[in-house]
Amino acid sequence: MFAQNVEENQRTARWLKEAQKGYIRVAVLILLNRKPAHGYEIMKEIKDRTKGFWKPTAGGVYPILLDLEKARYVEGEWSTQNNRKIKVYKITETGRTILRNAIVKQNEIANNMNTLFGEFARDVLNLEQTTLPFPIMPTPFSPFLEEKDRESEDKTEDLERKRIDLKRMIKMLQDELQTTNKRLAKAK
């Protein structure tokens, strides 16, 4: 049993790593769509935008950049910065087309996942949408699609609004948990 769990965990970790590579591939295109950048800038930007959730390494990003370059989604050009040679990448028109299509497809996937989550909540958790507003799953690319340079006042307002929404959802979840606990106690 223990060996099976270890194997499942390893398989899941490999699967998640592959999925993350795909997300990073699109994140790279999103970032290069904003401005040309070299590999280290891209790694730092991904780490910053995901608040450290994704910490891409050179061994992960540079092969992706090479693949994107071979596919002609990006172009790399060597230049010198602080007496060091660096390769600066920029997105191509083909890359922009692929990016647009990927974002559209990802939004479809997110909408389908939200529908599945709603069905799960209704069928398995016995929650009705009228009882609890289901949270909308953000796409994995949300941090990259947001404007980073927005005014701090706008960010503060957004965070305040988000905090209010989260408190409301927590209250509703606590109420639903209390109701479920009462129903469970009666059922025993």
N, C-alpha and C. Protein backbone atom coordinates (compact mmCIF):
# COMPACT_ATOMS: atom_id res chain seq x y z
N MET A 1 0.83 -1.20 0.00
CA MET A 1 0.00 0.00 0.00
C MET A 1 0.87 1.26 0.00
N PHE A 2 1.91 1.28 0.88
CA PHE A 2 2.79 2.43 0.97
C PHE A 2 3.53 2.64 -0.35
N ALA A 3 4.03 1.56 -0.95
CA ALA A 3 4.75 1.65 -2.23
C ALA A 3 3.85 2.19 -3.33
N GLN A 4 2.58 1.79 -3.29
CA GLN A 4 1.62 2.26 -4.29
C GLN A 4 1.41 3.77 -4.15
N ASN A 5 1.29 4.25 -2.91
CA ASN A 5 1.12 5.69 -2.68
C ASN A 5 2.34 6.47 -3.14
N VAL A 6 3.53 5.94 -2.88
CA VAL A 6 4.76 6.61 -3.31
C VAL A 6 4.79 6.69 -4.83
N GLU A 7 4.45 5.57 -5.48
CA GLU A 7 4.44 5.55 -6.94
C GLU A 7 3.41 6.53 -7.50
N GLU A 8 2.22 6.58 -6.89
CA GLU A 8 1.19 7.52 -7.32
C GLU A 8 1.66 8.96 -7.15
N ASN A 9 2.31 9.23 -6.02
CA ASN A 9 2.81 10.59 -5.77
C ASN A 9 3.87 10.97 -6.79
N GLN A 10 4.75 10.03 -7.12
CA GLN A 10 5.79 10.30 -8.12
C GLN A 10 5.17 10.54 -9.50
N ARG A 11 4.20 9.72 -9.84
CA ARG A 11 3.52 9.86 -11.14
C ARG A 11 2.80 11.22 -11.20
N THR A 12 2.14 11.58 -10.11
CA THR A 12 1.44 12.87 -10.06
C THR A 12 2.43 14.02 -10.18
N ALA A 13 3.56 13.91 -9.48
CA ALA A 13 4.58 14.97 -9.54
C ALA A 13 5.11 15.13 -10.96
N ARG A 14 5.35 14.01 -11.66
CA ARG A 14 5.82 14.09 -13.06
C ARG A 14 4.76 14.74 -13.94
N TRP A 15 3.51 14.34 -13.74
CA TRP A 15 2.42 14.90 -14.54
C TRP A 15 2.31 16.41 -14.31
N LEU A 16 2.35 16.82 -13.05
CA LEU A 16 2.26 18.25 -12.73
C LEU A 16 3.43 19.02 -13.31
N LYS A 17 4.62 18.42 -13.28
CA LYS A 17 5.80 19.08 -13.84
C LYS A 17 5.62 19.30 -15.34
N GLU A 18 5.08 18.31 -16.04
CA GLU A 18 4.82 18.45 -17.48
C GLU A 18 3.77 19.53 -17.73
N ALA A 19 2.71 19.53 -16.92
CA ALA A 19 1.67 20.55 -17.08
C ALA A 19 2.26 21.93 -16.84
N GLN A 20 3.11 22.05 -15.82
CA GLN A 20 3.73 23.33 -15.50
C GLN A 20 4.59 23.81 -16.66
N LYS A 21 5.29 22.88 -17.34
CA LYS A 21 6.11 23.26 -18.49
C LYS A 21 5.23 23.91 -19.57
N GLY A 22 4.07 23.32 -19.80
CA GLY A 22 3.14 23.89 -20.78
C GLY A 22 2.69 25.28 -20.38
N TYR A 23 2.40 25.45 -19.09
CA TYR A 23 1.98 26.76 -18.62
C TYR A 23 3.11 27.78 -18.74
N ILE A 24 4.31 27.35 -18.40
CA ILE A 24 5.45 28.26 -18.49
C ILE A 24 5.70 28.65 -19.94
N ARG A 25 5.50 27.72 -20.87
CA ARG A 25 5.66 28.00 -22.30
C ARG A 25 4.73 29.15 -22.71
N VAL A 26 3.48 29.08 -22.28
CA VAL A 26 2.53 30.15 -22.62
C VAL A 26 2.88 31.42 -21.86
N ALA A 27 3.29 31.29 -20.60
CA ALA A 27 3.67 32.47 -19.81
C ALA A 27 4.83 33.20 -20.47
N VAL A 28 5.79 32.45 -21.02
CA VAL A 28 6.93 33.06 -21.72
C VAL A 28 6.41 33.87 -22.91
N LEU A 29 5.49 33.31 -23.67
CA LEU A 29 4.94 34.04 -24.82
C LEU A 29 4.20 35.30 -24.37
N ILE A 30 3.45 35.19 -23.28
CA ILE A 30 2.72 36.36 -22.77
C ILE A 30 3.71 37.46 -22.39
N LEU A 31 4.76 37.09 -21.67
CA LEU A 31 5.74 38.09 -21.24
C LEU A 31 6.47 38.70 -22.42
N LEU A 32 6.83 37.87 -23.40
CA LEU A 32 7.53 38.40 -24.58
C LEU A 32 6.59 39.22 -25.46
N ASN A 33 5.30 38.98 -25.36
CA ASN A 33 4.34 39.80 -26.09
C ASN A 33 4.32 41.23 -25.54
N ARG A 34 4.65 41.36 -24.27
CA ARG A 34 4.72 42.70 -23.64
C ARG A 34 6.00 43.43 -24.03
N LYS A 35 7.13 42.69 -23.97
CA LYS A 35 8.42 43.32 -24.31
C LYS A 35 9.47 42.23 -24.49
N PRO A 36 10.48 42.51 -25.30
CA PRO A 36 11.59 41.55 -25.45
C PRO A 36 12.30 41.37 -24.10
N ALA A 37 12.86 40.19 -23.89
CA ALA A 37 13.54 39.91 -22.62
C ALA A 37 14.53 38.77 -22.81
N HIS A 38 15.50 38.71 -21.90
CA HIS A 38 16.43 37.57 -21.90
C HIS A 38 15.94 36.55 -20.88
N GLY A 39 16.54 35.38 -20.90
CA GLY A 39 16.08 34.26 -20.08
C GLY A 39 15.98 34.57 -18.60
N TYR A 40 17.00 35.22 -18.04
CA TYR A 40 16.97 35.51 -16.61
C TYR A 40 15.80 36.44 -16.26
N GLU A 41 15.56 37.45 -17.12
CA GLU A 41 14.43 38.36 -16.89
C GLU A 41 13.12 37.58 -16.87
N ILE A 42 12.99 36.64 -17.79
CA ILE A 42 11.77 35.84 -17.88
C ILE A 42 11.59 35.01 -16.61
N MET A 43 12.66 34.36 -16.16
CA MET A 43 12.58 33.55 -14.94
C MET A 43 12.17 34.41 -13.74
N LYS A 44 12.80 35.58 -13.62
CA LYS A 44 12.50 36.48 -12.50
C LYS A 44 11.05 36.97 -12.57
N GLU A 45 10.60 37.33 -13.76
CA GLU A 45 9.24 37.84 -13.93
C GLU A 45 8.20 36.76 -13.58
N ILE A 46 8.45 35.54 -14.01
CA ILE A 46 7.51 34.45 -13.69
C ILE A 46 7.47 34.23 -12.17
N LYS A 47 8.63 34.21 -11.54
CA LYS A 47 8.68 34.03 -10.09
C LYS A 47 7.96 35.17 -9.38
N ASP A 48 8.21 36.42 -9.81
CA ASP A 48 7.58 37.58 -9.19
C ASP A 48 6.07 37.57 -9.37
N ARG A 49 5.63 37.32 -10.58
CA ARG A 49 4.19 37.37 -10.87
C ARG A 49 3.41 36.26 -10.19
N THR A 50 4.06 35.13 -9.94
CA THR A 50 3.37 34.03 -9.26
C THR A 50 3.67 34.03 -7.76
N LYS A 51 4.30 35.11 -7.30
CA LYS A 51 4.64 35.27 -5.89
C LYS A 51 5.42 34.06 -5.37
N GLY A 52 6.33 33.55 -6.22
CA GLY A 52 7.20 32.46 -5.82
C GLY A 52 6.60 31.07 -6.00
N PHE A 53 5.34 30.98 -6.43
CA PHE A 53 4.73 29.67 -6.63
C PHE A 53 5.47 28.88 -7.70
N TRP A 54 5.78 29.56 -8.80
CA TRP A 54 6.61 28.96 -9.84
C TRP A 54 7.99 29.59 -9.74
N LYS A 55 9.00 28.77 -9.64
CA LYS A 55 10.38 29.25 -9.59
C LYS A 55 11.13 28.58 -10.72
N PRO A 56 10.92 29.06 -11.94
CA PRO A 56 11.57 28.40 -13.07
C PRO A 56 13.08 28.51 -12.98
N THR A 57 13.73 27.47 -13.47
CA THR A 57 15.20 27.42 -13.47
C THR A 57 15.69 27.60 -14.89
N ALA A 58 16.98 27.87 -15.01
CA ALA A 58 17.58 27.99 -16.34
C ALA A 58 17.39 26.69 -17.11
N GLY A 59 17.50 25.56 -16.42
CA GLY A 59 17.32 24.26 -17.05
C GLY A 59 15.91 24.01 -17.53
N GLY A 60 14.97 24.81 -17.06
CA GLY A 60 13.59 24.69 -17.52
C GLY A 60 13.23 25.72 -18.57
N VAL A 61 13.71 26.95 -18.39
CA VAL A 61 13.32 28.05 -19.28
C VAL A 61 14.09 28.03 -20.60
N TYR A 62 15.39 27.81 -20.54
CA TYR A 62 16.17 27.89 -21.79
C TYR A 62 15.78 26.82 -22.81
N PRO A 63 15.51 25.59 -22.41
CA PRO A 63 15.02 24.63 -23.41
C PRO A 63 13.67 25.05 -24.01
N ILE A 64 12.82 25.67 -23.20
CA ILE A 64 11.54 26.17 -23.72
C ILE A 64 11.79 27.28 -24.73
N LEU A 65 12.69 28.20 -24.40
CA LEU A 65 13.02 29.28 -25.34
C LEU A 65 13.60 28.71 -26.64
N LEU A 66 14.44 27.70 -26.52
CA LEU A 66 15.02 27.06 -27.71
C LEU A 66 13.93 26.42 -28.57
N ASP A 67 13.00 25.71 -27.92
CA ASP A 67 11.88 25.10 -28.65
C ASP A 67 11.01 26.16 -29.33
N LEU A 68 10.72 27.23 -28.60
CA LEU A 68 9.91 28.31 -29.17
C LEU A 68 10.62 28.97 -30.34
N GLU A 69 11.94 29.07 -30.22
CA GLU A 69 12.73 29.67 -31.30
C GLU A 69 12.74 28.74 -32.53
N LYS A 70 12.91 27.45 -32.31
CA LYS A 70 12.90 26.49 -33.42
C LYS A 70 11.54 26.49 -34.13
N ALA A 71 10.47 26.66 -33.35
CA ALA A 71 9.12 26.70 -33.93
C ALA A 71 8.80 28.06 -34.55
N ARG A 72 9.74 29.01 -34.42
CA ARG A 72 9.60 30.37 -34.95
C ARG A 72 8.48 31.18 -34.26
N TYR A 73 8.24 30.84 -32.99
CA TYR A 73 7.29 31.62 -32.20
C TYR A 73 7.99 32.80 -31.54
N VAL A 74 9.31 32.66 -31.35
CA VAL A 74 10.13 33.76 -30.84
C VAL A 74 11.41 33.82 -31.67
N GLU A 75 12.05 34.98 -31.61
CA GLU A 75 13.36 35.17 -32.25
C GLU A 75 14.33 35.63 -31.18
N GLY A 76 15.53 35.07 -31.20
CA GLY A 76 16.55 35.49 -30.26
C GLY A 76 17.64 36.26 -30.98
N GLU A 77 18.12 37.30 -30.33
CA GLU A 77 19.19 38.12 -30.90
C GLU A 77 20.23 38.37 -29.82
N TRP A 78 21.49 38.10 -30.16
CA TRP A 78 22.58 38.30 -29.21
C TRP A 78 22.91 39.78 -29.08
N SER A 79 23.14 40.21 -27.85
CA SER A 79 23.60 41.58 -27.61
C SER A 79 24.52 41.55 -26.39
N THR A 80 25.08 42.70 -26.07
CA THR A 80 25.98 42.80 -24.92
C THR A 80 25.34 43.71 -23.89
N GLN A 81 25.38 43.26 -22.64
CA GLN A 81 24.84 44.06 -21.54
C GLN A 81 25.81 43.92 -20.37
N ASN A 82 26.35 45.03 -19.91
CA ASN A 82 27.34 45.02 -18.82
C ASN A 82 28.51 44.08 -19.15
N ASN A 83 29.02 44.21 -20.36
CA ASN A 83 30.15 43.40 -20.85
C ASN A 83 29.87 41.90 -20.87
N ARG A 84 28.59 41.53 -20.90
CA ARG A 84 28.21 40.12 -20.98
C ARG A 84 27.34 39.92 -22.20
N LYS A 85 27.55 38.80 -22.89
CA LYS A 85 26.70 38.48 -24.03
C LYS A 85 25.41 37.86 -23.51
N ILE A 86 24.31 38.40 -23.97
CA ILE A 86 23.00 37.84 -23.60
C ILE A 86 22.16 37.70 -24.86
N LYS A 87 21.24 36.77 -24.82
CA LYS A 87 20.35 36.58 -25.95
C LYS A 87 18.98 37.13 -25.55
N VAL A 88 18.54 38.14 -26.28
CA VAL A 88 17.25 38.77 -26.01
C VAL A 88 16.23 38.18 -26.98
N TYR A 89 15.10 37.75 -26.43
CA TYR A 89 14.06 37.12 -27.23
C TYR A 89 12.90 38.07 -27.42
N LYS A 90 12.28 37.97 -28.61
CA LYS A 90 11.05 38.73 -28.86
C LYS A 90 10.08 37.80 -29.57
N ILE A 91 8.80 38.05 -29.37
CA ILE A 91 7.76 37.21 -29.96
C ILE A 91 7.60 37.56 -31.44
N THR A 92 7.26 36.56 -32.25
CA THR A 92 7.00 36.78 -33.68
C THR A 92 5.50 36.86 -33.91
N GLU A 93 5.10 37.19 -35.13
CA GLU A 93 3.67 37.21 -35.45
C GLU A 93 3.06 35.82 -35.29
N THR A 94 3.81 34.80 -35.70
CA THR A 94 3.33 33.43 -35.52
C THR A 94 3.15 33.13 -34.04
N GLY A 95 4.08 33.61 -33.22
CA GLY A 95 3.98 33.44 -31.77
C GLY A 95 2.76 34.14 -31.20
N ARG A 96 2.46 35.33 -31.71
CA ARG A 96 1.26 36.06 -31.26
C ARG A 96 -0.01 35.29 -31.61
N THR A 97 -0.03 34.71 -32.80
CA THR A 97 -1.21 33.94 -33.22
C THR A 97 -1.39 32.73 -32.31
N ILE A 98 -0.30 32.01 -32.06
CA ILE A 98 -0.35 30.84 -31.17
C ILE A 98 -0.79 31.27 -29.77
N LEU A 99 -0.27 32.39 -29.29
CA LEU A 99 -0.63 32.89 -27.96
C LEU A 99 -2.12 33.20 -27.88
N ARG A 100 -2.64 33.92 -28.87
CA ARG A 100 -4.08 34.23 -28.88
C ARG A 100 -4.90 32.95 -28.81
N ASN A 101 -4.55 31.98 -29.65
CA ASN A 101 -5.29 30.72 -29.68
C ASN A 101 -5.18 29.98 -28.35
N ALA A 102 -4.00 30.00 -27.74
CA ALA A 102 -3.79 29.32 -26.45
C ALA A 102 -4.63 29.96 -25.35
N ILE A 103 -4.70 31.29 -25.35
CA ILE A 103 -5.49 31.99 -24.33
C ILE A 103 -6.98 31.68 -24.50
N VAL A 104 -7.44 31.69 -25.74
CA VAL A 104 -8.85 31.36 -26.01
C VAL A 104 -9.14 29.95 -25.52
N LYS A 105 -8.28 29.00 -25.88
CA LYS A 105 -8.47 27.60 -25.48
C LYS A 105 -8.41 27.47 -23.96
N GLN A 106 -7.49 28.18 -23.31
CA GLN A 106 -7.37 28.09 -21.86
C GLN A 106 -8.62 28.64 -21.19
N ASN A 107 -9.20 29.71 -21.74
CA ASN A 107 -10.44 30.24 -21.18
C ASN A 107 -11.57 29.23 -21.31
N GLU A 108 -11.62 28.51 -22.44
CA GLU A 108 -12.62 27.46 -22.60
C GLU A 108 -12.42 26.37 -21.55
N ILE A 109 -11.17 25.99 -21.34
CA ILE A 109 -10.87 24.96 -20.34
C ILE A 109 -11.28 25.44 -18.95
N ALA A 110 -10.95 26.70 -18.61
CA ALA A 110 -11.31 27.25 -17.30
C ALA A 110 -12.82 27.27 -17.13
N ASN A 111 -13.56 27.66 -18.17
CA ASN A 111 -15.02 27.65 -18.09
C ASN A 111 -15.55 26.24 -17.87
N ASN A 112 -14.99 25.27 -18.60
CA ASN A 112 -15.41 23.88 -18.42
C ASN A 112 -15.08 23.38 -17.01
N MET A 113 -13.92 23.76 -16.50
CA MET A 113 -13.55 23.35 -15.14
C MET A 113 -14.49 23.98 -14.11
N ASN A 114 -14.89 25.23 -14.34
CA ASN A 114 -15.84 25.87 -13.43
C ASN A 114 -17.17 25.15 -13.46
N THR A 115 -17.60 24.72 -14.65
CA THR A 115 -18.85 23.96 -14.76
C THR A 115 -18.72 22.64 -14.00
N LEU A 116 -17.60 21.94 -14.19
CA LEU A 116 -17.38 20.68 -13.48
C LEU A 116 -17.35 20.90 -11.97
N PHE A 117 -16.71 22.00 -11.54
CA PHE A 117 -16.65 22.30 -10.11
C PHE A 117 -18.07 22.51 -9.57
N GLY A 118 -18.88 23.24 -10.33
CA GLY A 118 -20.26 23.47 -9.92
C GLY A 118 -21.04 22.17 -9.81
N GLU A 119 -20.85 21.28 -10.78
CA GLU A 119 -21.52 19.97 -10.74
C GLU A 119 -21.04 19.16 -9.54
N PHE A 120 -19.74 19.19 -9.28
CA PHE A 120 -19.19 18.48 -8.13
C PHE A 120 -19.79 19.03 -6.83
N ALA A 121 -19.83 20.34 -6.72
CA ALA A 121 -20.37 20.98 -5.51
C ALA A 121 -21.84 20.60 -5.32
N ARG A 122 -22.57 20.57 -6.42
CA ARG A 122 -24.00 20.24 -6.34
C ARG A 122 -24.21 18.75 -6.06
N ASP A 123 -23.53 17.89 -6.83
CA ASP A 123 -23.79 16.44 -6.75
C ASP A 123 -23.10 15.76 -5.57
N VAL A 124 -21.89 16.15 -5.26
CA VAL A 124 -21.13 15.48 -4.21
C VAL A 124 -21.27 16.19 -2.87
N LEU A 125 -21.19 17.51 -2.90
CA LEU A 125 -21.26 18.27 -1.65
C LEU A 125 -22.67 18.71 -1.30
N ASN A 126 -23.61 18.45 -2.22
CA ASN A 126 -25.02 18.84 -2.04
C ASN A 126 -25.19 20.34 -1.82
N LEU A 127 -24.39 21.12 -2.52
CA LEU A 127 -24.49 22.58 -2.43
C LEU A 127 -25.21 23.07 -3.67
N GLU A 128 -26.15 23.94 -3.48
CA GLU A 128 -26.83 24.56 -4.61
C GLU A 128 -26.22 25.93 -4.83
N GLN A 129 -26.20 26.36 -6.08
CA GLN A 129 -25.59 27.65 -6.38
C GLN A 129 -26.30 28.79 -5.66
N THR A 130 -27.59 28.64 -5.37
CA THR A 130 -28.31 29.69 -4.66
C THR A 130 -27.81 29.79 -3.22
N THR A 131 -27.33 28.66 -2.67
CA THR A 131 -26.82 28.65 -1.31
C THR A 131 -25.44 29.28 -1.23
N LEU A 132 -24.63 28.97 -2.21
CA LEU A 132 -23.23 29.37 -2.15
C LEU A 132 -22.75 29.78 -3.54
N PRO A 133 -22.24 30.99 -3.68
CA PRO A 133 -21.70 31.35 -4.99
C PRO A 133 -20.38 30.61 -5.20
N PHE A 134 -20.33 29.83 -6.25
CA PHE A 134 -19.12 29.06 -6.51
C PHE A 134 -18.01 29.99 -6.95
N PRO A 135 -16.82 29.80 -6.41
CA PRO A 135 -15.71 30.64 -6.84
C PRO A 135 -15.34 30.33 -8.28
N ILE A 136 -14.95 31.34 -9.00
CA ILE A 136 -14.51 31.18 -10.38
C ILE A 136 -13.03 30.86 -10.34
N MET A 137 -12.66 29.75 -10.98
CA MET A 137 -11.24 29.38 -11.03
C MET A 137 -10.52 30.33 -11.98
N PRO A 138 -9.44 30.94 -11.53
CA PRO A 138 -8.67 31.75 -12.47
C PRO A 138 -7.88 30.84 -13.39
N THR A 139 -7.49 31.35 -14.53
CA THR A 139 -6.64 30.55 -15.41
C THR A 139 -5.23 30.59 -14.85
N PRO A 140 -4.39 29.63 -15.22
CA PRO A 140 -3.01 29.67 -14.74
C PRO A 140 -2.25 30.88 -15.25
N PHE A 141 -2.82 31.56 -16.25
CA PHE A 141 -2.12 32.69 -16.85
C PHE A 141 -2.57 34.03 -16.29
N SER A 142 -3.51 34.02 -15.35
CA SER A 142 -4.02 35.27 -14.79
C SER A 142 -2.93 36.21 -14.32
N PRO A 143 -1.91 35.72 -13.58
CA PRO A 143 -0.87 36.66 -13.12
C PRO A 143 -0.10 37.30 -14.26
N PHE A 144 -0.05 36.65 -15.41
CA PHE A 144 0.71 37.18 -16.54
C PHE A 144 -0.11 38.12 -17.40
N LEU A 145 -1.43 37.98 -17.32
CA LEU A 145 -2.30 38.82 -18.14
C LEU A 145 -2.63 40.13 -17.45
N GLU A 146 -2.41 40.20 -16.13
CA GLU A 146 -2.68 41.43 -15.39
C GLU A 146 -1.58 42.44 -15.67
N GLU A 147 -1.96 43.70 -15.67
CA GLU A 147 -0.96 44.76 -15.85
C GLU A 147 -0.18 44.90 -14.56
N LYS A 148 1.12 44.74 -14.65
CA LYS A 148 1.97 44.80 -13.45
C LYS A 148 2.17 46.23 -12.96
N ASP A 149 2.14 47.18 -13.87
CA ASP A 149 2.48 48.55 -13.52
C ASP A 149 1.27 49.41 -13.15
N ARG A 150 0.19 48.77 -12.71
CA ARG A 150 -0.97 49.55 -12.33
C ARG A 150 -0.66 50.38 -11.10
N GLU A 151 -1.43 51.43 -10.93
CA GLU A 151 -1.24 52.30 -9.77
C GLU A 151 -1.46 51.51 -8.49
N SER A 152 -0.69 51.81 -7.45
CA SER A 152 -0.82 51.07 -6.19
C SER A 152 -2.20 51.28 -5.58
N GLU A 153 -2.83 52.43 -5.84
CA GLU A 153 -4.17 52.68 -5.33
C GLU A 153 -5.16 51.68 -5.93
N ASP A 154 -5.02 51.43 -7.25
CA ASP A 154 -5.87 50.45 -7.91
C ASP A 154 -5.65 49.07 -7.31
N LYS A 155 -4.39 48.74 -7.05
CA LYS A 155 -4.07 47.44 -6.46
C LYS A 155 -4.70 47.32 -5.08
N THR A 156 -4.63 48.41 -4.29
CA THR A 156 -5.20 48.39 -2.95
C THR A 156 -6.71 48.19 -3.02
N GLU A 157 -7.37 48.90 -3.93
CA GLU A 157 -8.82 48.73 -4.09
C GLU A 157 -9.15 47.30 -4.50
N ASP A 158 -8.39 46.75 -5.43
CA ASP A 158 -8.61 45.37 -5.87
C ASP A 158 -8.45 44.40 -4.71
N LEU A 159 -7.40 44.61 -3.91
CA LEU A 159 -7.15 43.73 -2.78
C LEU A 159 -8.25 43.85 -1.73
N GLU A 160 -8.72 45.08 -1.49
CA GLU A 160 -9.81 45.27 -0.53
C GLU A 160 -11.07 44.55 -1.01
N ARG A 161 -11.37 44.69 -2.29
CA ARG A 161 -12.54 44.02 -2.87
C ARG A 161 -12.39 42.50 -2.77
N LYS A 162 -11.20 42.03 -3.05
CA LYS A 162 -10.93 40.59 -2.97
C LYS A 162 -11.09 40.10 -1.54
N ARG A 163 -10.58 40.88 -0.58
CA ARG A 163 -10.69 40.49 0.83
C ARG A 163 -12.16 40.40 1.26
N ILE A 164 -12.96 41.36 0.86
CA ILE A 164 -14.39 41.34 1.19
C ILE A 164 -15.05 40.10 0.60
N ASP A 165 -14.75 39.82 -0.67
CA ASP A 165 -15.32 38.63 -1.32
C ASP A 165 -14.90 37.36 -0.61
N LEU A 166 -13.62 37.27 -0.24
CA LEU A 166 -13.13 36.08 0.44
C LEU A 166 -13.79 35.91 1.81
N LYS A 167 -13.94 37.00 2.56
CA LYS A 167 -14.61 36.92 3.86
C LYS A 167 -16.05 36.44 3.70
N ARG A 168 -16.72 36.95 2.67
CA ARG A 168 -18.11 36.54 2.41
C ARG A 168 -18.16 35.04 2.09
N MET A 169 -17.23 34.59 1.25
CA MET A 169 -17.21 33.16 0.90
C MET A 169 -16.88 32.30 2.10
N ILE A 170 -15.94 32.75 2.94
CA ILE A 170 -15.58 32.00 4.15
C ILE A 170 -16.80 31.88 5.06
N LYS A 171 -17.52 32.98 5.24
CA LYS A 171 -18.73 32.96 6.08
C LYS A 171 -19.74 31.97 5.53
N MET A 172 -19.96 32.00 4.22
CA MET A 172 -20.92 31.07 3.62
C MET A 172 -20.46 29.62 3.76
N LEU A 173 -19.17 29.40 3.59
CA LEU A 173 -18.64 28.04 3.76
C LEU A 173 -18.77 27.58 5.21
N GLN A 174 -18.51 28.49 6.16
CA GLN A 174 -18.66 28.13 7.57
C GLN A 174 -20.12 27.78 7.87
N ASP A 175 -21.05 28.58 7.34
CA ASP A 175 -22.48 28.29 7.53
C ASP A 175 -22.84 26.94 6.92
N GLU A 176 -22.35 26.68 5.73
CA GLU A 176 -22.64 25.42 5.05
C GLU A 176 -22.03 24.25 5.83
N LEU A 177 -20.83 24.43 6.37
CA LEU A 177 -20.20 23.39 7.18
C LEU A 177 -21.02 23.11 8.43
N GLN A 178 -21.50 24.16 9.06
CA GLN A 178 -22.31 24.00 10.26
C GLN A 178 -23.60 23.23 9.94
N THR A 179 -24.24 23.57 8.84
CA THR A 179 -25.46 22.87 8.40
C THR A 179 -25.16 21.41 8.12
N THR A 180 -24.06 21.15 7.44
CA THR A 180 -23.67 19.77 7.11
C THR A 180 -23.37 18.98 8.37
N ASN A 181 -22.68 19.59 9.33
CA ASN A 181 -22.39 18.91 10.59
C ASN A 181 -23.68 18.56 11.33
N LYS A 182 -24.66 19.46 11.33
CA LYS A 182 -25.94 19.18 11.98
C LYS A 182 -26.65 18.02 11.29
N ARG A 183 -26.66 18.04 9.94
CA ARG A 183 -27.31 16.97 9.18
C ARG A 183 -26.61 15.64 9.43
N LEU A 184 -25.30 15.68 9.53
CA LEU A 184 -24.51 14.48 9.78
C LEU A 184 -24.81 13.93 11.18
N ALA A 185 -24.90 14.82 12.17
CA ALA A 185 -25.20 14.40 13.54
C ALA A 185 -26.58 13.75 13.61
N LYS A 186 -27.56 14.30 12.89
CA LYS A 186 -28.91 13.72 12.86
C LYS A 186 -28.91 12.36 12.18
N ALA A 187 -28.08 12.21 11.15
CA ALA A 187 -28.04 10.96 10.39
C ALA A 187 -27.44 9.82 11.20
N LYS A 188 -26.62 10.14 12.20
CA LYS A 188 -25.97 9.09 13.00
C LYS A 188 -26.91 8.64 14.03
